[in-house]
Amino acid sequence: MDRQRLDIIKEAGVVGAGGAGFPTHIKLDANVDTFIINAAECEPLINVDKQLLEFYFKKVYSGMKTAAELVGAKRVVLAIKEKNKKAIDTIENFNGDDFELL
């Protein structure tokens, strides 16, 4: 099942958004204890991460769960700046299964 999901990601051509275009299927073909989602944008004019979390958290959460399953993570950490109150409110009000905000 995991190989099938990785193949779908590979065939879709999904790559990282950091500028280098690193293939996502390679990142997800690993085993880790903790899976970290970095949504702490550092450029002052970049707002995509907080907007995705604010307006599409249900989809982001689904992707987080899938990615965590693929890498075998026992723990998922979502890093976001404290000043992004609307996104944090959305996350805190989310009623997903096995979701815990630390």
PDB file of N, CA and C in Angstrom:
ATOM      1  N   MET A   1       0.831  -1.198   0.000  1.00  0.00           N
ATOM      2  CA  MET A   1       0.000   0.000   0.000  1.00  0.00           C
ATOM      3  C   MET A   1       0.871   1.255   0.000  1.00  0.00           C
ATOM      4  N   ASP A   2       1.881   1.308   0.886  1.00  0.00           N
ATOM      5  CA  ASP A   2       2.739   2.483   0.937  1.00  0.00           C
ATOM      6  C   ASP A   2       3.495   2.678  -0.370  1.00  0.00           C
ATOM      7  N   ARG A   3       3.971   1.581  -0.966  1.00  0.00           N
ATOM      8  CA  ARG A   3       4.686   1.681  -2.233  1.00  0.00           C
ATOM      9  C   ARG A   3       3.762   2.263  -3.304  1.00  0.00           C
ATOM     10  N   GLN A   4       2.500   1.863  -3.274  1.00  0.00           N
ATOM     11  CA  GLN A   4       1.530   2.365  -4.244  1.00  0.00           C
ATOM     12  C   GLN A   4       1.336   3.876  -4.070  1.00  0.00           C
ATOM     13  N   ARG A   5       1.220   4.330  -2.841  1.00  0.00           N
ATOM     14  CA  ARG A   5       1.047   5.770  -2.589  1.00  0.00           C
ATOM     15  C   ARG A   5       2.293   6.540  -2.991  1.00  0.00           C
ATOM     16  N   LEU A   6       3.476   5.985  -2.707  1.00  0.00           N
ATOM     17  CA  LEU A   6       4.722   6.639  -3.117  1.00  0.00           C
ATOM     18  C   LEU A   6       4.821   6.725  -4.640  1.00  0.00           C
ATOM     19  N   ASP A   7       4.404   5.669  -5.327  1.00  0.00           N
ATOM     20  CA  ASP A   7       4.421   5.677  -6.794  1.00  0.00           C
ATOM     21  C   ASP A   7       3.477   6.741  -7.357  1.00  0.00           C
ATOM     22  N   ILE A   8       2.329   6.916  -6.732  1.00  0.00           N
ATOM     23  CA  ILE A   8       1.383   7.957  -7.169  1.00  0.00           C
ATOM     24  C   ILE A   8       2.021   9.332  -7.024  1.00  0.00           C
ATOM     25  N   ILE A   9       2.682   9.575  -5.886  1.00  0.00           N
ATOM     26  CA  ILE A   9       3.350  10.855  -5.647  1.00  0.00           C
ATOM     27  C   ILE A   9       4.472  11.056  -6.657  1.00  0.00           C
ATOM     28  N   LYS A  10       5.240  10.008  -6.914  1.00  0.00           N
ATOM     29  CA  LYS A  10       6.342  10.086  -7.881  1.00  0.00           C
ATOM     30  C   LYS A  10       5.812  10.377  -9.278  1.00  0.00           C
ATOM     31  N   GLU A  11       4.811   9.635  -9.712  1.00  0.00           N
ATOM     32  CA  GLU A  11       4.252   9.807 -11.056  1.00  0.00           C
ATOM     33  C   GLU A  11       3.604  11.179 -11.233  1.00  0.00           C
ATOM     34  N   ALA A  12       3.100  11.756 -10.145  1.00  0.00           N
ATOM     35  CA  ALA A  12       2.489  13.086 -10.219  1.00  0.00           C
ATOM     36  C   ALA A  12       3.546  14.183 -10.315  1.00  0.00           C
ATOM     37  N   GLY A  13       4.810  13.831 -10.032  1.00  0.00           N
ATOM     38  CA  GLY A  13       5.879  14.811 -10.127  1.00  0.00           C
ATOM     39  C   GLY A  13       5.921  15.800  -8.971  1.00  0.00           C
ATOM     40  N   VAL A  14       5.423  15.392  -7.808  1.00  0.00           N
ATOM     41  CA  VAL A  14       5.392  16.292  -6.653  1.00  0.00           C
ATOM     42  C   VAL A  14       6.817  16.537  -6.157  1.00  0.00           C
ATOM     43  N   VAL A  15       7.159  17.820  -6.019  1.00  0.00           N
ATOM     44  CA  VAL A  15       8.482  18.215  -5.532  1.00  0.00           C
ATOM     45  C   VAL A  15       8.329  19.239  -4.417  1.00  0.00           C
ATOM     46  N   GLY A  16       9.386  19.437  -3.659  1.00  0.00           N
ATOM     47  CA  GLY A  16       9.376  20.414  -2.573  1.00  0.00           C
ATOM     48  C   GLY A  16       9.261  21.828  -3.120  1.00  0.00           C
ATOM     49  N   ALA A  17       8.745  22.718  -2.287  1.00  0.00           N
ATOM     50  CA  ALA A  17       8.541  24.110  -2.700  1.00  0.00           C
ATOM     51  C   ALA A  17       9.687  25.018  -2.256  1.00  0.00           C
ATOM     52  N   GLY A  18      10.770  24.445  -1.769  1.00  0.00           N
ATOM     53  CA  GLY A  18      11.881  25.242  -1.264  1.00  0.00           C
ATOM     54  C   GLY A  18      12.781  25.836  -2.322  1.00  0.00           C
ATOM     55  N   GLY A  19      12.521  25.541  -3.585  1.00  0.00           N
ATOM     56  CA  GLY A  19      13.327  26.122  -4.653  1.00  0.00           C
ATOM     57  C   GLY A  19      14.231  25.122  -5.356  1.00  0.00           C
ATOM     58  N   ALA A  20      14.633  24.062  -4.669  1.00  0.00           N
ATOM     59  CA  ALA A  20      15.529  23.075  -5.265  1.00  0.00           C
ATOM     60  C   ALA A  20      14.767  22.017  -6.063  1.00  0.00           C
ATOM     61  N   GLY A  21      13.466  21.916  -5.846  1.00  0.00           N
ATOM     62  CA  GLY A  21      12.661  20.932  -6.573  1.00  0.00           C
ATOM     63  C   GLY A  21      12.968  19.504  -6.185  1.00  0.00           C
ATOM     64  N   PHE A  22      13.334  19.263  -4.929  1.00  0.00           N
ATOM     65  CA  PHE A  22      13.671  17.911  -4.477  1.00  0.00           C
ATOM     66  C   PHE A  22      12.435  17.023  -4.513  1.00  0.00           C
ATOM     67  N   PRO A  23      12.532  15.830  -5.112  1.00  0.00           N
ATOM     68  CA  PRO A  23      11.367  14.935  -5.239  1.00  0.00           C
ATOM     69  C   PRO A  23      10.789  14.510  -3.893  1.00  0.00           C
ATOM     70  N   THR A  24       9.517  14.744  -3.707  1.00  0.00           N
ATOM     71  CA  THR A  24       8.832  14.428  -2.454  1.00  0.00           C
ATOM     72  C   THR A  24       8.805  12.930  -2.182  1.00  0.00           C
ATOM     73  N   HIS A  25       8.682  12.112  -3.220  1.00  0.00           N
ATOM     74  CA  HIS A  25       8.612  10.663  -2.997  1.00  0.00           C
ATOM     75  C   HIS A  25       9.885  10.139  -2.336  1.00  0.00           C
ATOM     76  N   ILE A  26      11.012  10.788  -2.571  1.00  0.00           N
ATOM     77  CA  ILE A  26      12.260  10.360  -1.927  1.00  0.00           C
ATOM     78  C   ILE A  26      12.227  10.718  -0.446  1.00  0.00           C
ATOM     79  N   LYS A  27      11.735  11.910  -0.133  1.00  0.00           N
ATOM     80  CA  LYS A  27      11.631  12.320   1.271  1.00  0.00           C
ATOM     81  C   LYS A  27      10.705  11.393   2.049  1.00  0.00           C
ATOM     82  N   LEU A  28       9.627  10.944   1.396  1.00  0.00           N
ATOM     83  CA  LEU A  28       8.627  10.131   2.084  1.00  0.00           C
ATOM     84  C   LEU A  28       8.965   8.646   2.097  1.00  0.00           C
ATOM     85  N   ASP A  29      10.031   8.257   1.426  1.00  0.00           N
ATOM     86  CA  ASP A  29      10.465   6.861   1.422  1.00  0.00           C
ATOM     87  C   ASP A  29      11.552   6.690   2.486  1.00  0.00           C
ATOM     88  N   ALA A  30      11.192   6.981   3.725  1.00  0.00           N
ATOM     89  CA  ALA A  30      12.128   6.949   4.851  1.00  0.00           C
ATOM     90  C   ALA A  30      11.387   6.496   6.100  1.00  0.00           C
ATOM     91  N   ASN A  31      12.141   6.249   7.152  1.00  0.00           N
ATOM     92  CA  ASN A  31      11.556   5.908   8.448  1.00  0.00           C
ATOM     93  C   ASN A  31      12.043   6.922   9.472  1.00  0.00           C
ATOM     94  N   VAL A  32      11.092   7.601  10.104  1.00  0.00           N
ATOM     95  CA  VAL A  32      11.439   8.610  11.110  1.00  0.00           C
ATOM     96  C   VAL A  32      10.534   8.458  12.315  1.00  0.00           C
ATOM     97  N   ASP A  33      10.989   8.928  13.451  1.00  0.00           N
ATOM     98  CA  ASP A  33      10.167   8.913  14.663  1.00  0.00           C
ATOM     99  C   ASP A  33       9.253  10.129  14.727  1.00  0.00           C
ATOM    100  N   THR A  34       9.791  11.296  14.315  1.00  0.00           N
ATOM    101  CA  THR A  34       9.057  12.550  14.385  1.00  0.00           C
ATOM    102  C   THR A  34       9.025  13.204  13.019  1.00  0.00           C
ATOM    103  N   PHE A  35       7.846  13.556  12.571  1.00  0.00           N
ATOM    104  CA  PHE A  35       7.636  14.219  11.280  1.00  0.00           C
ATOM    105  C   PHE A  35       7.332  15.684  11.567  1.00  0.00           C
ATOM    106  N   ILE A  36       8.151  16.601  11.034  1.00  0.00           N
ATOM    107  CA  ILE A  36       8.002  18.022  11.313  1.00  0.00           C
ATOM    108  C   ILE A  36       7.518  18.746  10.065  1.00  0.00           C
ATOM    109  N   ILE A  37       6.428  19.491  10.219  1.00  0.00           N
ATOM    110  CA  ILE A  37       5.913  20.340   9.146  1.00  0.00           C
ATOM    111  C   ILE A  37       6.321  21.762   9.487  1.00  0.00           C
ATOM    112  N   ASN A  38       7.152  22.351   8.633  1.00  0.00           N
ATOM    113  CA  ASN A  38       7.652  23.701   8.874  1.00  0.00           C
ATOM    114  C   ASN A  38       6.736  24.710   8.194  1.00  0.00           C
ATOM    115  N   ALA A  39       5.876  25.335   8.979  1.00  0.00           N
ATOM    116  CA  ALA A  39       4.991  26.379   8.465  1.00  0.00           C
ATOM    117  C   ALA A  39       5.368  27.734   9.068  1.00  0.00           C
ATOM    118  N   ALA A  40       6.609  27.847   9.526  1.00  0.00           N
ATOM    119  CA  ALA A  40       7.098  29.089  10.136  1.00  0.00           C
ATOM    120  C   ALA A  40       7.793  29.918   9.060  1.00  0.00           C
ATOM    121  N   GLU A  41       6.999  30.589   8.269  1.00  0.00           N
ATOM    122  CA  GLU A  41       7.551  31.385   7.170  1.00  0.00           C
ATOM    123  C   GLU A  41       8.427  32.505   7.717  1.00  0.00           C
ATOM    124  N   CYS A  42       9.568  32.705   7.081  1.00  0.00           N
ATOM    125  CA  CYS A  42      10.521  33.693   7.575  1.00  0.00           C
ATOM    126  C   CYS A  42      10.590  34.952   6.715  1.00  0.00           C
ATOM    127  N   GLU A  43      10.123  34.887   5.494  1.00  0.00           N
ATOM    128  CA  GLU A  43      10.117  36.075   4.636  1.00  0.00           C
ATOM    129  C   GLU A  43       8.894  36.907   4.965  1.00  0.00           C
ATOM    130  N   PRO A  44       9.042  38.217   5.129  1.00  0.00           N
ATOM    131  CA  PRO A  44       7.917  39.049   5.583  1.00  0.00           C
ATOM    132  C   PRO A  44       6.716  39.102   4.638  1.00  0.00           C
ATOM    133  N   LEU A  45       6.910  38.885   3.352  1.00  0.00           N
ATOM    134  CA  LEU A  45       5.794  38.985   2.405  1.00  0.00           C
ATOM    135  C   LEU A  45       5.216  37.634   2.003  1.00  0.00           C
ATOM    136  N   ILE A  46       5.736  36.561   2.563  1.00  0.00           N
ATOM    137  CA  ILE A  46       5.242  35.228   2.226  1.00  0.00           C
ATOM    138  C   ILE A  46       4.211  34.815   3.273  1.00  0.00           C
ATOM    139  N   ASN A  47       3.013  34.466   2.795  1.00  0.00           N
ATOM    140  CA  ASN A  47       1.909  34.126   3.695  1.00  0.00           C
ATOM    141  C   ASN A  47       1.212  32.827   3.331  1.00  0.00           C
ATOM    142  N   VAL A  48       1.784  32.068   2.435  1.00  0.00           N
ATOM    143  CA  VAL A  48       1.102  30.890   1.907  1.00  0.00           C
ATOM    144  C   VAL A  48       0.830  29.843   2.982  1.00  0.00           C
ATOM    145  N   ASP A  49       1.830  29.530   3.794  1.00  0.00           N
ATOM    146  CA  ASP A  49       1.645  28.482   4.807  1.00  0.00           C
ATOM    147  C   ASP A  49       0.511  28.823   5.770  1.00  0.00           C
ATOM    148  N   LYS A  50       0.536  30.035   6.302  1.00  0.00           N
ATOM    149  CA  LYS A  50      -0.518  30.392   7.264  1.00  0.00           C
ATOM    150  C   LYS A  50      -1.884  30.442   6.595  1.00  0.00           C
ATOM    151  N   GLN A  51      -1.949  30.837   5.322  1.00  0.00           N
ATOM    152  CA  GLN A  51      -3.232  30.852   4.620  1.00  0.00           C
ATOM    153  C   GLN A  51      -3.736  29.446   4.354  1.00  0.00           C
ATOM    154  N   LEU A  52      -2.848  28.544   3.974  1.00  0.00           N
ATOM    155  CA  LEU A  52      -3.253  27.152   3.774  1.00  0.00           C
ATOM    156  C   LEU A  52      -3.778  26.551   5.077  1.00  0.00           C
ATOM    157  N   LEU A  53      -3.101  26.854   6.178  1.00  0.00           N
ATOM    158  CA  LEU A  53      -3.543  26.334   7.477  1.00  0.00           C
ATOM    159  C   LEU A  53      -4.870  26.953   7.899  1.00  0.00           C
ATOM    160  N   GLU A  54      -5.038  28.232   7.605  1.00  0.00           N
ATOM    161  CA  GLU A  54      -6.266  28.918   8.004  1.00  0.00           C
ATOM    162  C   GLU A  54      -7.476  28.485   7.181  1.00  0.00           C
ATOM    163  N   PHE A  55      -7.304  28.379   5.869  1.00  0.00           N
ATOM    164  CA  PHE A  55      -8.448  28.142   4.985  1.00  0.00           C
ATOM    165  C   PHE A  55      -8.625  26.692   4.542  1.00  0.00           C
ATOM    166  N   TYR A  56      -7.573  25.875   4.641  1.00  0.00           N
ATOM    167  CA  TYR A  56      -7.637  24.505   4.133  1.00  0.00           C
ATOM    168  C   TYR A  56      -7.058  23.489   5.115  1.00  0.00           C
ATOM    169  N   PHE A  57      -7.212  23.748   6.412  1.00  0.00           N
ATOM    170  CA  PHE A  57      -6.551  22.868   7.372  1.00  0.00           C
ATOM    171  C   PHE A  57      -7.021  21.420   7.277  1.00  0.00           C
ATOM    172  N   LYS A  58      -8.268  21.183   6.960  1.00  0.00           N
ATOM    173  CA  LYS A  58      -8.747  19.796   6.845  1.00  0.00           C
ATOM    174  C   LYS A  58      -7.938  19.037   5.792  1.00  0.00           C
ATOM    175  N   LYS A  59      -7.655  19.672   4.665  1.00  0.00           N
ATOM    176  CA  LYS A  59      -6.845  19.037   3.611  1.00  0.00           C
ATOM    177  C   LYS A  59      -5.390  18.908   4.045  1.00  0.00           C
ATOM    178  N   VAL A  60      -4.869  19.944   4.694  1.00  0.00           N
ATOM    179  CA  VAL A  60      -3.492  19.893   5.187  1.00  0.00           C
ATOM    180  C   VAL A  60      -3.358  18.758   6.192  1.00  0.00           C
ATOM    181  N   TYR A  61      -4.323  18.639   7.078  1.00  0.00           N
ATOM    182  CA  TYR A  61      -4.310  17.581   8.083  1.00  0.00           C
ATOM    183  C   TYR A  61      -4.308  16.198   7.427  1.00  0.00           C
ATOM    184  N   SER A  62      -5.119  16.042   6.404  1.00  0.00           N
ATOM    185  CA  SER A  62      -5.161  14.767   5.685  1.00  0.00           C
ATOM    186  C   SER A  62      -3.790  14.439   5.082  1.00  0.00           C
ATOM    187  N   GLY A  63      -3.163  15.426   4.489  1.00  0.00           N
ATOM    188  CA  GLY A  63      -1.824  15.229   3.926  1.00  0.00           C
ATOM    189  C   GLY A  63      -0.779  14.937   4.993  1.00  0.00           C
ATOM    190  N   MET A  64      -0.904  15.610   6.132  1.00  0.00           N
ATOM    191  CA  MET A  64       0.009  15.365   7.253  1.00  0.00           C
ATOM    192  C   MET A  64      -0.100  13.923   7.720  1.00  0.00           C
ATOM    193  N   LYS A  65      -1.334  13.442   7.831  1.00  0.00           N
ATOM    194  CA  LYS A  65      -1.549  12.063   8.281  1.00  0.00           C
ATOM    195  C   LYS A  65      -0.962  11.066   7.285  1.00  0.00           C
ATOM    196  N   THR A  66      -1.204  11.304   6.006  1.00  0.00           N
ATOM    197  CA  THR A  66      -0.680  10.407   4.974  1.00  0.00           C
ATOM    198  C   THR A  66       0.838  10.380   5.001  1.00  0.00           C
ATOM    199  N   ALA A  67       1.452  11.557   5.059  1.00  0.00           N
ATOM    200  CA  ALA A  67       2.910  11.638   5.081  1.00  0.00           C
ATOM    201  C   ALA A  67       3.470  10.954   6.328  1.00  0.00           C
ATOM    202  N   ALA A  68       2.843  11.186   7.469  1.00  0.00           N
ATOM    203  CA  ALA A  68       3.302  10.566   8.716  1.00  0.00           C
ATOM    204  C   ALA A  68       3.202   9.045   8.639  1.00  0.00           C
ATOM    205  N   GLU A  69       2.136   8.551   8.048  1.00  0.00           N
ATOM    206  CA  GLU A  69       1.982   7.101   7.874  1.00  0.00           C
ATOM    207  C   GLU A  69       3.086   6.548   6.977  1.00  0.00           C
ATOM    208  N   LEU A  70       3.372   7.255   5.884  1.00  0.00           N
ATOM    209  CA  LEU A  70       4.384   6.778   4.935  1.00  0.00           C
ATOM    210  C   LEU A  70       5.769   6.672   5.570  1.00  0.00           C
ATOM    211  N   VAL A  71       6.103   7.599   6.453  1.00  0.00           N
ATOM    212  CA  VAL A  71       7.427   7.576   7.075  1.00  0.00           C
ATOM    213  C   VAL A  71       7.437   6.856   8.422  1.00  0.00           C
ATOM    214  N   GLY A  72       6.279   6.386   8.865  1.00  0.00           N
ATOM    215  CA  GLY A  72       6.189   5.642  10.109  1.00  0.00           C
ATOM    216  C   GLY A  72       6.364   6.494  11.354  1.00  0.00           C
ATOM    217  N   ALA A  73       6.048   7.771  11.253  1.00  0.00           N
ATOM    218  CA  ALA A  73       6.231   8.681  12.389  1.00  0.00           C
ATOM    219  C   ALA A  73       5.245   8.394  13.505  1.00  0.00           C
ATOM    220  N   LYS A  74       5.743   8.393  14.710  1.00  0.00           N
ATOM    221  CA  LYS A  74       4.900   8.232  15.889  1.00  0.00           C
ATOM    222  C   LYS A  74       4.410   9.591  16.390  1.00  0.00           C
ATOM    223  N   ARG A  75       5.094  10.646  15.957  1.00  0.00           N
ATOM    224  CA  ARG A  75       4.774  11.998  16.416  1.00  0.00           C
ATOM    225  C   ARG A  75       4.854  12.951  15.229  1.00  0.00           C
ATOM    226  N   VAL A  76       3.908  13.880  15.171  1.00  0.00           N
ATOM    227  CA  VAL A  76       3.899  14.909  14.129  1.00  0.00           C
ATOM    228  C   VAL A  76       3.940  16.268  14.807  1.00  0.00           C
ATOM    229  N   VAL A  77       4.834  17.123  14.350  1.00  0.00           N
ATOM    230  CA  VAL A  77       4.979  18.464  14.897  1.00  0.00           C
ATOM    231  C   VAL A  77       4.705  19.466  13.782  1.00  0.00           C
ATOM    232  N   LEU A  78       3.816  20.394  14.052  1.00  0.00           N
ATOM    233  CA  LEU A  78       3.514  21.471  13.107  1.00  0.00           C
ATOM    234  C   LEU A  78       4.087  22.750  13.687  1.00  0.00           C
ATOM    235  N   ALA A  79       5.101  23.300  13.025  1.00  0.00           N
ATOM    236  CA  ALA A  79       5.757  24.517  13.501  1.00  0.00           C
ATOM    237  C   ALA A  79       5.139  25.738  12.813  1.00  0.00           C
ATOM    238  N   ILE A  80       4.607  26.648  13.614  1.00  0.00           N
ATOM    239  CA  ILE A  80       4.000  27.871  13.093  1.00  0.00           C
ATOM    240  C   ILE A  80       4.299  28.994  14.084  1.00  0.00           C
ATOM    241  N   LYS A  81       4.465  30.191  13.566  1.00  0.00           N
ATOM    242  CA  LYS A  81       4.761  31.329  14.432  1.00  0.00           C
ATOM    243  C   LYS A  81       3.530  31.721  15.241  1.00  0.00           C
ATOM    244  N   GLU A  82       3.773  32.099  16.479  1.00  0.00           N
ATOM    245  CA  GLU A  82       2.712  32.468  17.407  1.00  0.00           C
ATOM    246  C   GLU A  82       1.864  33.632  16.898  1.00  0.00           C
ATOM    247  N   LYS A  83       2.454  34.507  16.096  1.00  0.00           N
ATOM    248  CA  LYS A  83       1.729  35.685  15.609  1.00  0.00           C
ATOM    249  C   LYS A  83       0.635  35.344  14.591  1.00  0.00           C
ATOM    250  N   ASN A  84       0.622  34.136  14.068  1.00  0.00           N
ATOM    251  CA  ASN A  84      -0.366  33.726  13.063  1.00  0.00           C
ATOM    252  C   ASN A  84      -1.637  33.229  13.750  1.00  0.00           C
ATOM    253  N   LYS A  85      -2.298  34.135  14.437  1.00  0.00           N
ATOM    254  CA  LYS A  85      -3.437  33.818  15.313  1.00  0.00           C
ATOM    255  C   LYS A  85      -4.603  33.148  14.587  1.00  0.00           C
ATOM    256  N   LYS A  86      -4.961  33.626  13.394  1.00  0.00           N
ATOM    257  CA  LYS A  86      -6.117  33.043  12.692  1.00  0.00           C
ATOM    258  C   LYS A  86      -5.854  31.582  12.336  1.00  0.00           C
ATOM    259  N   ALA A  87      -4.663  31.292  11.869  1.00  0.00           N
ATOM    260  CA  ALA A  87      -4.325  29.910  11.529  1.00  0.00           C
ATOM    261  C   ALA A  87      -4.308  29.049  12.790  1.00  0.00           C
ATOM    262  N   ILE A  88      -3.764  29.579  13.860  1.00  0.00           N
ATOM    263  CA  ILE A  88      -3.717  28.833  15.120  1.00  0.00           C
ATOM    264  C   ILE A  88      -5.131  28.580  15.639  1.00  0.00           C
ATOM    265  N   ASP A  89      -5.998  29.574  15.535  1.00  0.00           N
ATOM    266  CA  ASP A  89      -7.400  29.382  15.946  1.00  0.00           C
ATOM    267  C   ASP A  89      -8.057  28.262  15.143  1.00  0.00           C
ATOM    268  N   THR A  90      -7.809  28.249  13.843  1.00  0.00           N
ATOM    269  CA  THR A  90      -8.365  27.198  12.982  1.00  0.00           C
ATOM    270  C   THR A  90      -7.879  25.829  13.429  1.00  0.00           C
ATOM    271  N   ILE A  91      -6.598  25.736  13.706  1.00  0.00           N
ATOM    272  CA  ILE A  91      -6.015  24.465  14.139  1.00  0.00           C
ATOM    273  C   ILE A  91      -6.589  24.043  15.494  1.00  0.00           C
ATOM    274  N   GLU A  92      -6.675  24.984  16.420  1.00  0.00           N
ATOM    275  CA  GLU A  92      -7.194  24.675  17.758  1.00  0.00           C
ATOM    276  C   GLU A  92      -8.653  24.236  17.715  1.00  0.00           C
ATOM    277  N   ASN A  93      -9.416  24.727  16.753  1.00  0.00           N
ATOM    278  CA  ASN A  93     -10.838  24.387  16.648  1.00  0.00           C
ATOM    279  C   ASN A  93     -11.099  23.170  15.770  1.00  0.00           C
ATOM    280  N   PHE A  94     -10.049  22.571  15.246  1.00  0.00           N
ATOM    281  CA  PHE A  94     -10.191  21.400  14.381  1.00  0.00           C
ATOM    282  C   PHE A  94     -10.553  20.189  15.223  1.00  0.00           C
ATOM    283  N   ASN A  95     -11.498  19.410  14.747  1.00  0.00           N
ATOM    284  CA  ASN A  95     -11.959  18.229  15.473  1.00  0.00           C
ATOM    285  C   ASN A  95     -11.581  16.941  14.754  1.00  0.00           C
ATOM    286  N   GLY A  96     -10.342  16.837  14.337  1.00  0.00           N
ATOM    287  CA  GLY A  96      -9.905  15.623  13.648  1.00  0.00           C
ATOM    288  C   GLY A  96      -9.652  14.494  14.613  1.00  0.00           C
ATOM    289  N   ASP A  97      -9.672  13.287  14.098  1.00  0.00           N
ATOM    290  CA  ASP A  97      -9.380  12.127  14.941  1.00  0.00           C
ATOM    291  C   ASP A  97      -7.923  12.174  15.379  1.00  0.00           C
ATOM    292  N   ASP A  98      -7.641  11.692  16.525  1.00  0.00           N
ATOM    293  CA  ASP A  98      -6.307  11.600  17.133  1.00  0.00           C
ATOM    294  C   ASP A  98      -5.458  12.864  16.958  1.00  0.00           C
ATOM    295  N   PHE A  99      -6.096  14.014  16.954  1.00  0.00           N
ATOM    296  CA  PHE A  99      -5.368  15.278  16.803  1.00  0.00           C
ATOM    297  C   PHE A  99      -5.182  15.913  18.167  1.00  0.00           C
ATOM    298  N   GLU A 100      -3.944  16.282  18.427  1.00  0.00           N
ATOM    299  CA  GLU A 100      -3.637  16.934  19.688  1.00  0.00           C
ATOM    300  C   GLU A 100      -2.739  18.122  19.416  1.00  0.00           C
ATOM    301  N   LEU A 101      -3.101  19.274  19.898  1.00  0.00           N
ATOM    302  CA  LEU A 101      -2.299  20.476  19.741  1.00  0.00           C
ATOM    303  C   LEU A 101      -1.456  20.657  20.997  1.00  0.00           C
ATOM    304  N   LEU A 102      -0.175  20.742  20.821  1.00  0.00           N
ATOM    305  CA  LEU A 102       0.736  20.903  21.963  1.00  0.00           C
ATOM    306  C   LEU A 102       1.160  22.345  22.096  1.00  0.00           C
TER     307      LEU A 102
END
